[in-house]
Amino acid sequence: MKLFSKRLQKRTLLLLVFALFLASGWGAVSACADDGMLKASATDDDLERLALSQCVFTICDGEVYWMSLTEDELAEYAFYLMSNLDINAAAAAGILVNIQFESGFDPNKLGDDGAAYGICQWRGDRLDQMVEFCDEYGYDPISMEGQLAFLVYDLQENYIYPYDLVRLVSDTPDGATDAAFYFCAYYEVPSDPDEESADRLEYCDILFYPALLDLDL
């Protein structure tokens, strides 16, 4: 199931060298620990720690953007979604950036005082359906594998409208941000989709979609 590229690793090392050269003039780090992401100016130590973690990151306008995935994990999850949902890289980026913001790719993530759970923060009947699906098809409901399999099933069987919207986006930066918005608004269904999706669209445009293009899946 894994198709891995080393392009991101090479680009990451080049960016790190460049970033370390500039870092002396940058401010302190501000991290979103709950989401496993950072978007801020960084010091030498922060960038070194980030590189050692092997997380995929980029630098844009003097700020560091990272995701809580290694290159191998990004390739694996994107390839799984693209293969099983018959979607392009832009659509996969739109889904993955939402998972990043919902759970930081932690299948054991609890949210909303324990009411929400998993990579997509399912709750209530939807959470029960995820567990039942995993039990029926032999997956561990607390595993990334089982939850991704349920996500594919849920989109194709229960959320046809957002699935169709995501599936039909163009394989372009605009298509990726469209997919990020559609998934947020119609699958995650927050109370204010415009506000909730703003950072997701930014990360999709700057980090997730370019990273998938570099992998050339």
N, C-alpha and C. Protein backbone atom coordinates (compact mmCIF):
# COMPACT_ATOMS: atom_id res chain seq x y z
N MET A 1 0.82 -1.19 0.00
CA MET A 1 0.00 0.00 0.00
C MET A 1 0.86 1.26 0.00
N LYS A 2 2.17 1.13 0.26
CA LYS A 2 3.00 2.31 0.42
C LYS A 2 3.75 2.62 -0.87
N LEU A 3 3.68 3.87 -1.31
CA LEU A 3 4.51 4.38 -2.39
C LEU A 3 5.22 5.61 -1.84
N PHE A 4 6.50 5.52 -1.60
CA PHE A 4 7.20 6.60 -0.92
C PHE A 4 8.22 7.27 -1.85
N SER A 5 8.34 8.58 -1.73
CA SER A 5 9.30 9.36 -2.49
C SER A 5 10.28 10.01 -1.54
N LYS A 6 11.49 10.26 -1.99
CA LYS A 6 12.49 10.93 -1.16
C LYS A 6 12.61 12.42 -1.52
N ARG A 7 11.78 12.91 -2.42
CA ARG A 7 11.88 14.31 -2.81
C ARG A 7 11.65 15.26 -1.65
N LEU A 8 10.64 14.95 -0.83
CA LEU A 8 10.33 15.84 0.30
C LEU A 8 11.48 15.86 1.30
N GLN A 9 12.11 14.71 1.49
CA GLN A 9 13.22 14.65 2.44
C GLN A 9 14.34 15.57 1.97
N LYS A 10 14.67 15.55 0.69
CA LYS A 10 15.73 16.40 0.16
C LYS A 10 15.34 17.86 0.27
N ARG A 11 14.08 18.18 -0.07
CA ARG A 11 13.63 19.56 0.01
C ARG A 11 13.63 20.05 1.45
N THR A 12 13.25 19.15 2.38
CA THR A 12 13.22 19.52 3.79
C THR A 12 14.62 19.89 4.28
N LEU A 13 15.63 19.13 3.88
CA LEU A 13 16.99 19.43 4.32
C LEU A 13 17.46 20.77 3.76
N LEU A 14 17.12 21.04 2.50
CA LEU A 14 17.50 22.32 1.92
C LEU A 14 16.81 23.47 2.62
N LEU A 15 15.52 23.29 2.92
CA LEU A 15 14.79 24.33 3.62
C LEU A 15 15.35 24.54 5.03
N LEU A 16 15.75 23.46 5.67
CA LEU A 16 16.29 23.59 7.01
C LEU A 16 17.57 24.41 7.00
N VAL A 17 18.46 24.13 6.05
CA VAL A 17 19.70 24.90 5.95
C VAL A 17 19.39 26.37 5.74
N PHE A 18 18.46 26.65 4.83
CA PHE A 18 18.07 28.03 4.56
C PHE A 18 17.46 28.67 5.79
N ALA A 19 16.59 27.92 6.46
CA ALA A 19 15.90 28.46 7.63
C ALA A 19 16.86 28.73 8.77
N LEU A 20 17.81 27.83 8.98
CA LEU A 20 18.78 28.03 10.05
C LEU A 20 19.64 29.26 9.78
N PHE A 21 19.90 29.52 8.52
CA PHE A 21 20.68 30.69 8.16
C PHE A 21 19.93 31.97 8.51
N LEU A 22 18.59 31.96 8.34
CA LEU A 22 17.79 33.15 8.61
C LEU A 22 17.30 33.24 10.04
N ALA A 23 17.36 32.14 10.77
CA ALA A 23 16.64 32.05 12.04
C ALA A 23 17.09 33.06 13.08
N SER A 24 18.32 33.54 13.02
CA SER A 24 18.80 34.43 14.07
C SER A 24 17.99 35.71 14.16
N GLY A 25 17.33 36.08 13.07
CA GLY A 25 16.53 37.31 13.10
C GLY A 25 15.07 37.07 13.34
N TRP A 26 14.70 35.85 13.60
CA TRP A 26 13.29 35.52 13.77
C TRP A 26 12.90 35.56 15.24
N GLY A 27 11.60 35.63 15.47
CA GLY A 27 11.09 35.65 16.84
C GLY A 27 10.91 34.27 17.40
N ALA A 28 10.17 34.19 18.50
CA ALA A 28 9.95 32.91 19.18
C ALA A 28 8.88 32.10 18.49
N VAL A 29 8.83 30.82 18.84
CA VAL A 29 7.87 29.90 18.23
C VAL A 29 6.52 29.99 18.94
N SER A 30 5.46 29.89 18.16
CA SER A 30 4.11 29.74 18.71
C SER A 30 3.51 28.50 18.09
N ALA A 31 3.29 27.46 18.87
CA ALA A 31 2.87 26.17 18.32
C ALA A 31 1.44 25.85 18.72
N CYS A 32 0.74 25.13 17.82
CA CYS A 32 -0.59 24.60 18.11
C CYS A 32 -0.42 23.15 18.52
N ALA A 33 -0.14 22.91 19.77
CA ALA A 33 0.22 21.56 20.22
C ALA A 33 -0.92 20.58 20.01
N ASP A 34 -2.16 21.03 20.18
CA ASP A 34 -3.29 20.12 20.06
C ASP A 34 -3.40 19.56 18.65
N ASP A 35 -3.01 20.33 17.65
CA ASP A 35 -3.12 19.90 16.27
C ASP A 35 -1.80 19.38 15.71
N GLY A 36 -0.73 19.45 16.52
CA GLY A 36 0.56 19.00 16.04
C GLY A 36 1.12 19.89 14.96
N MET A 37 0.76 21.15 14.95
CA MET A 37 1.20 22.04 13.89
C MET A 37 1.88 23.26 14.45
N LEU A 38 2.70 23.88 13.62
CA LEU A 38 3.36 25.12 13.99
C LEU A 38 3.26 26.05 12.81
N LYS A 39 2.93 27.28 13.07
CA LYS A 39 2.96 28.31 12.04
C LYS A 39 3.49 29.57 12.71
N ALA A 40 4.79 29.77 12.63
CA ALA A 40 5.38 30.92 13.29
C ALA A 40 6.83 31.02 12.89
N SER A 41 7.43 32.15 13.24
CA SER A 41 8.88 32.24 13.11
C SER A 41 9.51 31.27 14.09
N ALA A 42 10.72 30.80 13.77
CA ALA A 42 11.31 29.74 14.58
C ALA A 42 12.78 30.02 14.86
N THR A 43 13.25 29.51 15.98
CA THR A 43 14.66 29.60 16.34
C THR A 43 15.41 28.40 15.78
N ASP A 44 16.75 28.45 15.87
CA ASP A 44 17.57 27.34 15.40
C ASP A 44 17.16 26.03 16.06
N ASP A 45 16.98 26.06 17.38
CA ASP A 45 16.64 24.84 18.11
C ASP A 45 15.30 24.27 17.66
N ASP A 46 14.32 25.14 17.43
CA ASP A 46 13.01 24.67 17.00
C ASP A 46 13.08 24.00 15.64
N LEU A 47 13.83 24.60 14.71
CA LEU A 47 13.93 24.03 13.38
C LEU A 47 14.71 22.72 13.40
N GLU A 48 15.73 22.64 14.24
CA GLU A 48 16.47 21.39 14.37
C GLU A 48 15.57 20.29 14.92
N ARG A 49 14.77 20.63 15.93
CA ARG A 49 13.85 19.65 16.51
C ARG A 49 12.83 19.19 15.48
N LEU A 50 12.35 20.12 14.68
CA LEU A 50 11.38 19.79 13.65
C LEU A 50 11.99 18.86 12.60
N ALA A 51 13.20 19.14 12.18
CA ALA A 51 13.85 18.29 11.18
C ALA A 51 14.09 16.89 11.73
N LEU A 52 14.51 16.80 12.99
CA LEU A 52 14.76 15.50 13.59
C LEU A 52 13.47 14.69 13.74
N SER A 53 12.34 15.37 13.91
CA SER A 53 11.07 14.67 14.03
C SER A 53 10.63 14.06 12.71
N GLN A 54 11.24 14.51 11.60
CA GLN A 54 10.94 14.04 10.25
C GLN A 54 9.55 14.44 9.79
N CYS A 55 8.90 15.36 10.48
CA CYS A 55 7.61 15.86 10.01
C CYS A 55 7.80 16.67 8.73
N VAL A 56 6.82 16.60 7.85
CA VAL A 56 6.86 17.38 6.62
C VAL A 56 6.58 18.84 6.96
N PHE A 57 7.42 19.74 6.45
CA PHE A 57 7.20 21.16 6.72
C PHE A 57 7.67 21.99 5.54
N THR A 58 7.28 23.25 5.54
CA THR A 58 7.76 24.19 4.55
C THR A 58 7.87 25.55 5.20
N ILE A 59 8.50 26.48 4.50
CA ILE A 59 8.67 27.84 5.00
C ILE A 59 8.06 28.79 3.98
N CYS A 60 7.21 29.66 4.44
CA CYS A 60 6.53 30.61 3.55
C CYS A 60 6.48 31.97 4.22
N ASP A 61 7.01 32.97 3.55
CA ASP A 61 7.01 34.35 4.07
C ASP A 61 7.56 34.42 5.50
N GLY A 62 8.65 33.71 5.73
CA GLY A 62 9.29 33.77 7.03
C GLY A 62 8.62 32.99 8.12
N GLU A 63 7.63 32.16 7.78
CA GLU A 63 6.94 31.35 8.78
C GLU A 63 7.07 29.88 8.43
N VAL A 64 7.15 29.07 9.46
CA VAL A 64 7.25 27.62 9.29
C VAL A 64 5.87 27.00 9.41
N TYR A 65 5.51 26.17 8.45
CA TYR A 65 4.26 25.41 8.48
C TYR A 65 4.63 23.94 8.53
N TRP A 66 4.08 23.21 9.51
CA TRP A 66 4.36 21.78 9.52
C TRP A 66 3.07 20.99 9.71
N MET A 67 3.16 19.71 9.34
CA MET A 67 2.08 18.77 9.61
C MET A 67 2.61 17.68 10.52
N SER A 68 1.73 17.03 11.25
CA SER A 68 2.18 15.98 12.18
C SER A 68 2.23 14.63 11.47
N LEU A 69 2.85 14.62 10.28
CA LEU A 69 3.06 13.40 9.50
C LEU A 69 4.47 13.39 8.96
N THR A 70 5.06 12.22 8.92
CA THR A 70 6.31 12.06 8.19
C THR A 70 5.99 11.94 6.70
N GLU A 71 7.02 12.00 5.89
CA GLU A 71 6.82 11.84 4.45
C GLU A 71 6.18 10.49 4.12
N ASP A 72 6.65 9.43 4.79
CA ASP A 72 6.10 8.10 4.53
C ASP A 72 4.62 8.03 4.90
N GLU A 73 4.27 8.60 6.05
CA GLU A 73 2.86 8.57 6.47
C GLU A 73 1.99 9.37 5.52
N LEU A 74 2.46 10.54 5.12
CA LEU A 74 1.70 11.35 4.17
C LEU A 74 1.45 10.58 2.88
N ALA A 75 2.48 9.95 2.36
CA ALA A 75 2.35 9.17 1.12
C ALA A 75 1.37 8.02 1.30
N GLU A 76 1.47 7.32 2.42
CA GLU A 76 0.61 6.16 2.67
C GLU A 76 -0.86 6.57 2.75
N TYR A 77 -1.16 7.59 3.53
CA TYR A 77 -2.56 7.99 3.73
C TYR A 77 -3.14 8.60 2.45
N ALA A 78 -2.34 9.40 1.76
CA ALA A 78 -2.83 10.01 0.52
C ALA A 78 -3.09 8.94 -0.53
N PHE A 79 -2.17 7.99 -0.67
CA PHE A 79 -2.35 6.94 -1.66
C PHE A 79 -3.57 6.08 -1.34
N TYR A 80 -3.78 5.83 -0.06
CA TYR A 80 -4.96 5.05 0.35
C TYR A 80 -6.25 5.77 -0.04
N LEU A 81 -6.34 7.05 0.25
CA LEU A 81 -7.55 7.81 -0.08
C LEU A 81 -7.73 7.93 -1.59
N MET A 82 -6.65 8.22 -2.30
CA MET A 82 -6.76 8.38 -3.75
C MET A 82 -7.19 7.08 -4.42
N SER A 83 -6.67 5.95 -3.94
CA SER A 83 -6.99 4.66 -4.54
C SER A 83 -8.41 4.21 -4.21
N ASN A 84 -8.82 4.38 -2.96
CA ASN A 84 -10.10 3.84 -2.53
C ASN A 84 -11.28 4.77 -2.78
N LEU A 85 -11.00 6.06 -2.91
CA LEU A 85 -12.07 7.01 -3.20
C LEU A 85 -12.06 7.46 -4.65
N ASP A 86 -11.06 7.03 -5.42
CA ASP A 86 -10.91 7.44 -6.82
C ASP A 86 -10.88 8.97 -6.92
N ILE A 87 -9.96 9.58 -6.17
CA ILE A 87 -9.84 11.03 -6.16
C ILE A 87 -8.42 11.43 -6.55
N ASN A 88 -8.26 12.69 -6.89
CA ASN A 88 -6.94 13.19 -7.27
C ASN A 88 -6.19 13.72 -6.04
N ALA A 89 -4.97 14.21 -6.29
CA ALA A 89 -4.14 14.70 -5.19
C ALA A 89 -4.74 15.91 -4.49
N ALA A 90 -5.40 16.78 -5.25
CA ALA A 90 -6.02 17.97 -4.65
C ALA A 90 -7.11 17.57 -3.67
N ALA A 91 -7.93 16.61 -4.05
CA ALA A 91 -9.00 16.14 -3.17
C ALA A 91 -8.42 15.48 -1.93
N ALA A 92 -7.38 14.68 -2.12
CA ALA A 92 -6.75 14.02 -0.97
C ALA A 92 -6.16 15.06 -0.02
N ALA A 93 -5.54 16.09 -0.56
CA ALA A 93 -4.99 17.15 0.28
C ALA A 93 -6.09 17.82 1.09
N GLY A 94 -7.24 18.06 0.46
CA GLY A 94 -8.35 18.70 1.15
C GLY A 94 -8.88 17.87 2.31
N ILE A 95 -8.91 16.56 2.13
CA ILE A 95 -9.35 15.67 3.22
C ILE A 95 -8.30 15.61 4.32
N LEU A 96 -7.04 15.44 3.92
CA LEU A 96 -5.97 15.27 4.90
C LEU A 96 -5.76 16.50 5.77
N VAL A 97 -5.90 17.67 5.19
CA VAL A 97 -5.71 18.87 6.00
C VAL A 97 -6.82 18.99 7.05
N ASN A 98 -8.01 18.52 6.73
CA ASN A 98 -9.08 18.52 7.72
C ASN A 98 -8.80 17.54 8.84
N ILE A 99 -8.26 16.37 8.51
CA ILE A 99 -7.90 15.41 9.55
C ILE A 99 -6.83 16.00 10.46
N GLN A 100 -5.89 16.73 9.85
CA GLN A 100 -4.86 17.39 10.65
C GLN A 100 -5.47 18.32 11.69
N PHE A 101 -6.41 19.14 11.26
CA PHE A 101 -7.00 20.10 12.18
C PHE A 101 -7.97 19.46 13.16
N GLU A 102 -8.61 18.38 12.77
CA GLU A 102 -9.55 17.72 13.67
C GLU A 102 -8.83 16.95 14.78
N SER A 103 -7.74 16.26 14.42
CA SER A 103 -7.15 15.33 15.38
C SER A 103 -5.64 15.27 15.37
N GLY A 104 -4.98 15.96 14.43
CA GLY A 104 -3.54 15.78 14.32
C GLY A 104 -3.15 14.36 13.95
N PHE A 105 -4.05 13.65 13.26
CA PHE A 105 -3.84 12.26 12.84
C PHE A 105 -3.66 11.31 14.01
N ASP A 106 -4.29 11.63 15.11
CA ASP A 106 -4.26 10.76 16.29
C ASP A 106 -5.58 10.00 16.37
N PRO A 107 -5.59 8.69 16.09
CA PRO A 107 -6.86 7.93 16.12
C PRO A 107 -7.45 7.81 17.51
N ASN A 108 -6.67 8.13 18.54
CA ASN A 108 -7.19 8.08 19.91
C ASN A 108 -7.55 9.46 20.46
N LYS A 109 -7.62 10.42 19.58
CA LYS A 109 -7.89 11.80 20.00
C LYS A 109 -9.30 11.95 20.55
N LEU A 110 -9.39 12.51 21.74
CA LEU A 110 -10.68 12.86 22.36
C LEU A 110 -10.88 14.37 22.26
N GLY A 111 -12.11 14.77 21.97
CA GLY A 111 -12.42 16.19 21.89
C GLY A 111 -13.76 16.50 22.52
N ASP A 112 -14.01 17.79 22.71
CA ASP A 112 -15.29 18.24 23.28
C ASP A 112 -15.64 17.48 24.56
N ASP A 113 -14.67 17.50 25.48
CA ASP A 113 -14.89 16.86 26.78
C ASP A 113 -15.25 15.38 26.66
N GLY A 114 -14.64 14.71 25.69
CA GLY A 114 -14.83 13.27 25.53
C GLY A 114 -15.98 12.88 24.63
N ALA A 115 -16.73 13.86 24.11
CA ALA A 115 -17.88 13.55 23.26
C ALA A 115 -17.47 13.17 21.84
N ALA A 116 -16.31 13.65 21.40
CA ALA A 116 -15.84 13.40 20.03
C ALA A 116 -14.58 12.53 20.09
N TYR A 117 -14.40 11.72 19.06
CA TYR A 117 -13.30 10.75 19.09
C TYR A 117 -12.81 10.46 17.69
N GLY A 118 -11.50 10.20 17.59
CA GLY A 118 -10.93 9.68 16.36
C GLY A 118 -10.41 10.76 15.43
N ILE A 119 -9.95 10.32 14.27
CA ILE A 119 -9.27 11.22 13.34
C ILE A 119 -10.20 12.29 12.79
N CYS A 120 -11.49 12.00 12.71
CA CYS A 120 -12.45 12.99 12.22
C CYS A 120 -13.37 13.49 13.33
N GLN A 121 -13.04 13.15 14.56
CA GLN A 121 -13.81 13.60 15.72
C GLN A 121 -15.30 13.27 15.57
N TRP A 122 -15.56 11.99 15.27
CA TRP A 122 -16.94 11.52 15.21
C TRP A 122 -17.55 11.55 16.60
N ARG A 123 -18.87 11.64 16.64
CA ARG A 123 -19.57 11.65 17.92
C ARG A 123 -20.93 11.00 17.75
N GLY A 124 -21.54 10.64 18.87
CA GLY A 124 -22.90 10.11 18.85
C GLY A 124 -23.06 8.91 17.95
N ASP A 125 -24.11 8.93 17.12
CA ASP A 125 -24.39 7.81 16.22
C ASP A 125 -23.27 7.57 15.23
N ARG A 126 -22.61 8.64 14.79
CA ARG A 126 -21.52 8.48 13.82
C ARG A 126 -20.35 7.75 14.45
N LEU A 127 -20.08 8.02 15.69
CA LEU A 127 -19.01 7.30 16.40
C LEU A 127 -19.39 5.84 16.59
N ASP A 128 -20.65 5.58 16.95
CA ASP A 128 -21.11 4.20 17.08
C ASP A 128 -20.98 3.46 15.76
N GLN A 129 -21.30 4.12 14.66
CA GLN A 129 -21.20 3.50 13.34
C GLN A 129 -19.75 3.16 13.00
N MET A 130 -18.83 4.03 13.38
CA MET A 130 -17.41 3.76 13.13
C MET A 130 -16.98 2.49 13.86
N VAL A 131 -17.34 2.39 15.14
CA VAL A 131 -16.96 1.23 15.93
C VAL A 131 -17.61 -0.04 15.37
N GLU A 132 -18.88 0.04 15.02
CA GLU A 132 -19.58 -1.12 14.46
C GLU A 132 -18.97 -1.55 13.13
N PHE A 133 -18.62 -0.59 12.29
CA PHE A 133 -17.98 -0.91 11.01
C PHE A 133 -16.67 -1.65 11.24
N CYS A 134 -15.85 -1.14 12.13
CA CYS A 134 -14.57 -1.77 12.40
C CYS A 134 -14.74 -3.18 12.96
N ASP A 135 -15.69 -3.35 13.85
CA ASP A 135 -15.95 -4.67 14.41
C ASP A 135 -16.40 -5.65 13.32
N GLU A 136 -17.26 -5.17 12.43
CA GLU A 136 -17.81 -6.04 11.38
C GLU A 136 -16.75 -6.47 10.37
N TYR A 137 -15.84 -5.56 10.05
CA TYR A 137 -14.88 -5.84 8.99
C TYR A 137 -13.48 -6.19 9.51
N GLY A 138 -13.38 -6.42 10.80
CA GLY A 138 -12.13 -6.93 11.36
C GLY A 138 -11.05 -5.89 11.58
N TYR A 139 -11.43 -4.62 11.72
CA TYR A 139 -10.46 -3.58 12.02
C TYR A 139 -10.48 -3.27 13.51
N ASP A 140 -9.37 -2.76 13.98
CA ASP A 140 -9.32 -2.22 15.33
C ASP A 140 -9.88 -0.80 15.29
N PRO A 141 -10.95 -0.49 16.01
CA PRO A 141 -11.55 0.85 15.93
C PRO A 141 -10.65 1.96 16.47
N ILE A 142 -9.58 1.61 17.17
CA ILE A 142 -8.68 2.66 17.65
C ILE A 142 -7.44 2.77 16.76
N SER A 143 -7.49 2.15 15.58
CA SER A 143 -6.35 2.18 14.67
C SER A 143 -6.59 3.18 13.54
N MET A 144 -5.49 3.71 13.00
CA MET A 144 -5.57 4.59 11.83
C MET A 144 -6.14 3.82 10.64
N GLU A 145 -5.74 2.59 10.48
CA GLU A 145 -6.21 1.77 9.36
C GLU A 145 -7.73 1.62 9.40
N GLY A 146 -8.27 1.28 10.56
CA GLY A 146 -9.71 1.08 10.68
C GLY A 146 -10.48 2.36 10.48
N GLN A 147 -9.99 3.46 11.02
CA GLN A 147 -10.72 4.72 10.91
C GLN A 147 -10.67 5.28 9.49
N LEU A 148 -9.55 5.11 8.80
CA LEU A 148 -9.50 5.52 7.39
C LEU A 148 -10.45 4.68 6.54
N ALA A 149 -10.50 3.38 6.83
CA ALA A 149 -11.42 2.51 6.09
C ALA A 149 -12.86 2.94 6.33
N PHE A 150 -13.20 3.30 7.56
CA PHE A 150 -14.55 3.78 7.83
C PHE A 150 -14.82 5.10 7.14
N LEU A 151 -13.84 5.99 7.12
CA LEU A 151 -14.03 7.27 6.43
C LEU A 151 -14.37 7.06 4.96
N VAL A 152 -13.66 6.15 4.30
CA VAL A 152 -13.96 5.85 2.89
C VAL A 152 -15.38 5.32 2.76
N TYR A 153 -15.75 4.37 3.60
CA TYR A 153 -17.11 3.81 3.59
C TYR A 153 -18.16 4.89 3.87
N ASP A 154 -17.90 5.71 4.86
CA ASP A 154 -18.87 6.72 5.28
C ASP A 154 -19.13 7.73 4.17
N LEU A 155 -18.08 8.14 3.49
CA LEU A 155 -18.25 9.09 2.38
C LEU A 155 -19.04 8.46 1.23
N GLN A 156 -18.72 7.24 0.91
CA GLN A 156 -19.35 6.60 -0.25
C GLN A 156 -20.78 6.15 0.02
N GLU A 157 -21.10 5.88 1.28
CA GLU A 157 -22.43 5.35 1.59
C GLU A 157 -23.35 6.37 2.28
N ASN A 158 -22.79 7.23 3.11
CA ASN A 158 -23.64 8.10 3.93
C ASN A 158 -23.50 9.59 3.64
N TYR A 159 -22.40 9.97 3.03
CA TYR A 159 -22.16 11.39 2.76
C TYR A 159 -21.83 11.57 1.28
N ILE A 160 -22.79 11.21 0.45
CA ILE A 160 -22.61 11.25 -0.99
C ILE A 160 -22.38 12.67 -1.49
N TYR A 161 -23.09 13.64 -0.93
CA TYR A 161 -22.97 15.01 -1.42
C TYR A 161 -21.55 15.56 -1.23
N PRO A 162 -20.98 15.53 -0.02
CA PRO A 162 -19.60 16.02 0.08
C PRO A 162 -18.61 15.15 -0.69
N TYR A 163 -18.89 13.85 -0.77
CA TYR A 163 -18.01 12.98 -1.54
C TYR A 163 -17.98 13.38 -3.00
N ASP A 164 -19.15 13.64 -3.58
CA ASP A 164 -19.21 14.06 -4.98
C ASP A 164 -18.52 15.41 -5.19
N LEU A 165 -18.72 16.33 -4.27
CA LEU A 165 -18.07 17.63 -4.40
C LEU A 165 -16.55 17.49 -4.36
N VAL A 166 -16.06 16.72 -3.42
CA VAL A 166 -14.62 16.53 -3.29
C VAL A 166 -14.07 15.76 -4.48
N ARG A 167 -14.79 14.75 -4.90
CA ARG A 167 -14.31 13.88 -5.98
C ARG A 167 -14.16 14.62 -7.31
N LEU A 168 -14.92 15.69 -7.51
CA LEU A 168 -14.95 16.37 -8.80
C LEU A 168 -14.08 17.62 -8.86
N VAL A 169 -13.31 17.91 -7.81
CA VAL A 169 -12.47 19.11 -7.87
C VAL A 169 -11.33 18.90 -8.86
N SER A 170 -10.86 20.01 -9.43
CA SER A 170 -9.73 19.94 -10.35
C SER A 170 -8.43 19.71 -9.56
N ASP A 171 -7.47 19.11 -10.21
CA ASP A 171 -6.19 18.83 -9.56
C ASP A 171 -5.30 20.07 -9.66
N THR A 172 -5.71 21.10 -8.94
CA THR A 172 -5.05 22.41 -8.94
C THR A 172 -5.06 22.95 -7.51
N PRO A 173 -4.30 24.02 -7.25
CA PRO A 173 -4.37 24.63 -5.91
C PRO A 173 -5.79 25.07 -5.54
N ASP A 174 -6.52 25.63 -6.49
CA ASP A 174 -7.91 26.01 -6.20
C ASP A 174 -8.77 24.79 -5.91
N GLY A 175 -8.53 23.71 -6.65
CA GLY A 175 -9.28 22.49 -6.40
C GLY A 175 -9.00 21.93 -5.01
N ALA A 176 -7.76 22.04 -4.57
CA ALA A 176 -7.39 21.54 -3.24
C ALA A 176 -8.09 22.33 -2.14
N THR A 177 -8.10 23.66 -2.26
CA THR A 177 -8.76 24.47 -1.24
C THR A 177 -10.28 24.30 -1.30
N ASP A 178 -10.82 24.09 -2.50
CA ASP A 178 -12.25 23.79 -2.60
C ASP A 178 -12.56 22.50 -1.85
N ALA A 179 -11.73 21.47 -2.06
CA ALA A 179 -11.96 20.19 -1.40
C ALA A 179 -11.86 20.34 0.12
N ALA A 180 -10.91 21.13 0.58
CA ALA A 180 -10.77 21.36 2.02
C ALA A 180 -12.02 22.00 2.59
N PHE A 181 -12.57 22.96 1.86
CA PHE A 181 -13.79 23.62 2.34
C PHE A 181 -14.98 22.66 2.31
N TYR A 182 -15.15 21.94 1.22
CA TYR A 182 -16.30 21.02 1.10
C TYR A 182 -16.29 19.99 2.22
N PHE A 183 -15.11 19.41 2.48
CA PHE A 183 -15.03 18.38 3.51
C PHE A 183 -15.34 18.97 4.88
N CYS A 184 -14.80 20.15 5.13
CA CYS A 184 -15.06 20.80 6.41
C CYS A 184 -16.54 21.13 6.57
N ALA A 185 -17.12 21.75 5.55
CA ALA A 185 -18.49 22.26 5.66
C ALA A 185 -19.53 21.15 5.68
N TYR A 186 -19.31 20.08 4.88
CA TYR A 186 -20.38 19.12 4.67
C TYR A 186 -20.11 17.72 5.24
N TYR A 187 -18.88 17.49 5.69
CA TYR A 187 -18.62 16.23 6.39
C TYR A 187 -18.38 16.48 7.87
N GLU A 188 -17.53 17.45 8.19
CA GLU A 188 -17.30 17.79 9.59
C GLU A 188 -18.46 18.61 10.16
N VAL A 189 -19.07 19.43 9.33
CA VAL A 189 -20.28 20.21 9.64
C VAL A 189 -20.12 21.07 10.91
N PRO A 190 -19.18 22.01 10.91
CA PRO A 190 -19.08 22.93 12.05
C PRO A 190 -20.20 23.98 12.00
N SER A 191 -20.37 24.68 13.08
CA SER A 191 -21.44 25.69 13.13
C SER A 191 -21.16 26.87 12.20
N ASP A 192 -19.88 27.19 12.00
CA ASP A 192 -19.50 28.29 11.11
C ASP A 192 -18.43 27.78 10.14
N PRO A 193 -18.82 27.19 9.02
CA PRO A 193 -17.84 26.59 8.09
C PRO A 193 -16.82 27.59 7.57
N ASP A 194 -17.22 28.82 7.30
CA ASP A 194 -16.28 29.80 6.77
C ASP A 194 -15.16 30.08 7.76
N GLU A 195 -15.53 30.32 9.00
CA GLU A 195 -14.53 30.60 10.02
C GLU A 195 -13.68 29.37 10.32
N GLU A 196 -14.33 28.23 10.44
CA GLU A 196 -13.63 27.00 10.81
C GLU A 196 -12.66 26.55 9.73
N SER A 197 -12.98 26.83 8.48
CA SER A 197 -12.16 26.32 7.38
C SER A 197 -11.03 27.25 6.98
N ALA A 198 -10.99 28.46 7.50
CA ALA A 198 -10.02 29.45 7.01
C ALA A 198 -8.58 28.96 7.13
N ASP A 199 -8.19 28.50 8.31
CA ASP A 199 -6.82 28.02 8.50
C ASP A 199 -6.57 26.74 7.71
N ARG A 200 -7.58 25.93 7.56
CA ARG A 200 -7.43 24.68 6.81
C ARG A 200 -7.12 24.96 5.35
N LEU A 201 -7.79 25.93 4.79
CA LEU A 201 -7.54 26.30 3.40
C LEU A 201 -6.13 26.84 3.23
N GLU A 202 -5.68 27.63 4.19
CA GLU A 202 -4.33 28.18 4.12
C GLU A 202 -3.29 27.07 4.15
N TYR A 203 -3.43 26.14 5.09
CA TYR A 203 -2.49 25.02 5.18
C TYR A 203 -2.56 24.12 3.95
N CYS A 204 -3.73 23.95 3.41
CA CYS A 204 -3.88 23.13 2.21
C CYS A 204 -3.11 23.74 1.05
N ASP A 205 -3.24 25.05 0.90
CA ASP A 205 -2.61 25.76 -0.21
C ASP A 205 -1.10 25.82 -0.06
N ILE A 206 -0.63 26.07 1.16
CA ILE A 206 0.80 26.30 1.38
C ILE A 206 1.57 25.01 1.62
N LEU A 207 0.95 24.03 2.27
CA LEU A 207 1.70 22.85 2.70
C LEU A 207 1.19 21.54 2.11
N PHE A 208 -0.07 21.21 2.32
CA PHE A 208 -0.53 19.86 2.01
C PHE A 208 -0.54 19.56 0.51
N TYR A 209 -1.12 20.45 -0.29
CA TYR A 209 -1.17 20.16 -1.73
C TYR A 209 0.22 20.19 -2.37
N PRO A 210 1.06 21.20 -2.10
CA PRO A 210 2.42 21.14 -2.66
C PRO A 210 3.20 19.91 -2.22
N ALA A 211 2.98 19.47 -0.97
CA ALA A 211 3.69 18.27 -0.50
C ALA A 211 3.27 17.04 -1.28
N LEU A 212 1.98 16.92 -1.58
CA LEU A 212 1.52 15.77 -2.35
C LEU A 212 2.03 15.83 -3.80
N LEU A 213 2.11 17.03 -4.36
CA LEU A 213 2.68 17.15 -5.71
C LEU A 213 4.13 16.71 -5.73
N ASP A 214 4.87 17.04 -4.68
CA ASP A 214 6.27 16.62 -4.61
C ASP A 214 6.40 15.10 -4.53
N LEU A 215 5.44 14.46 -3.90
CA LEU A 215 5.50 13.01 -3.78
C LEU A 215 5.20 12.32 -5.11
N ASP A 216 4.45 13.00 -5.99
CA ASP A 216 4.17 12.46 -7.33
C ASP A 216 3.60 11.05 -7.26
N LEU A 217 2.50 10.89 -6.51
CA LEU A 217 1.89 9.58 -6.30
C LEU A 217 1.25 9.07 -7.60
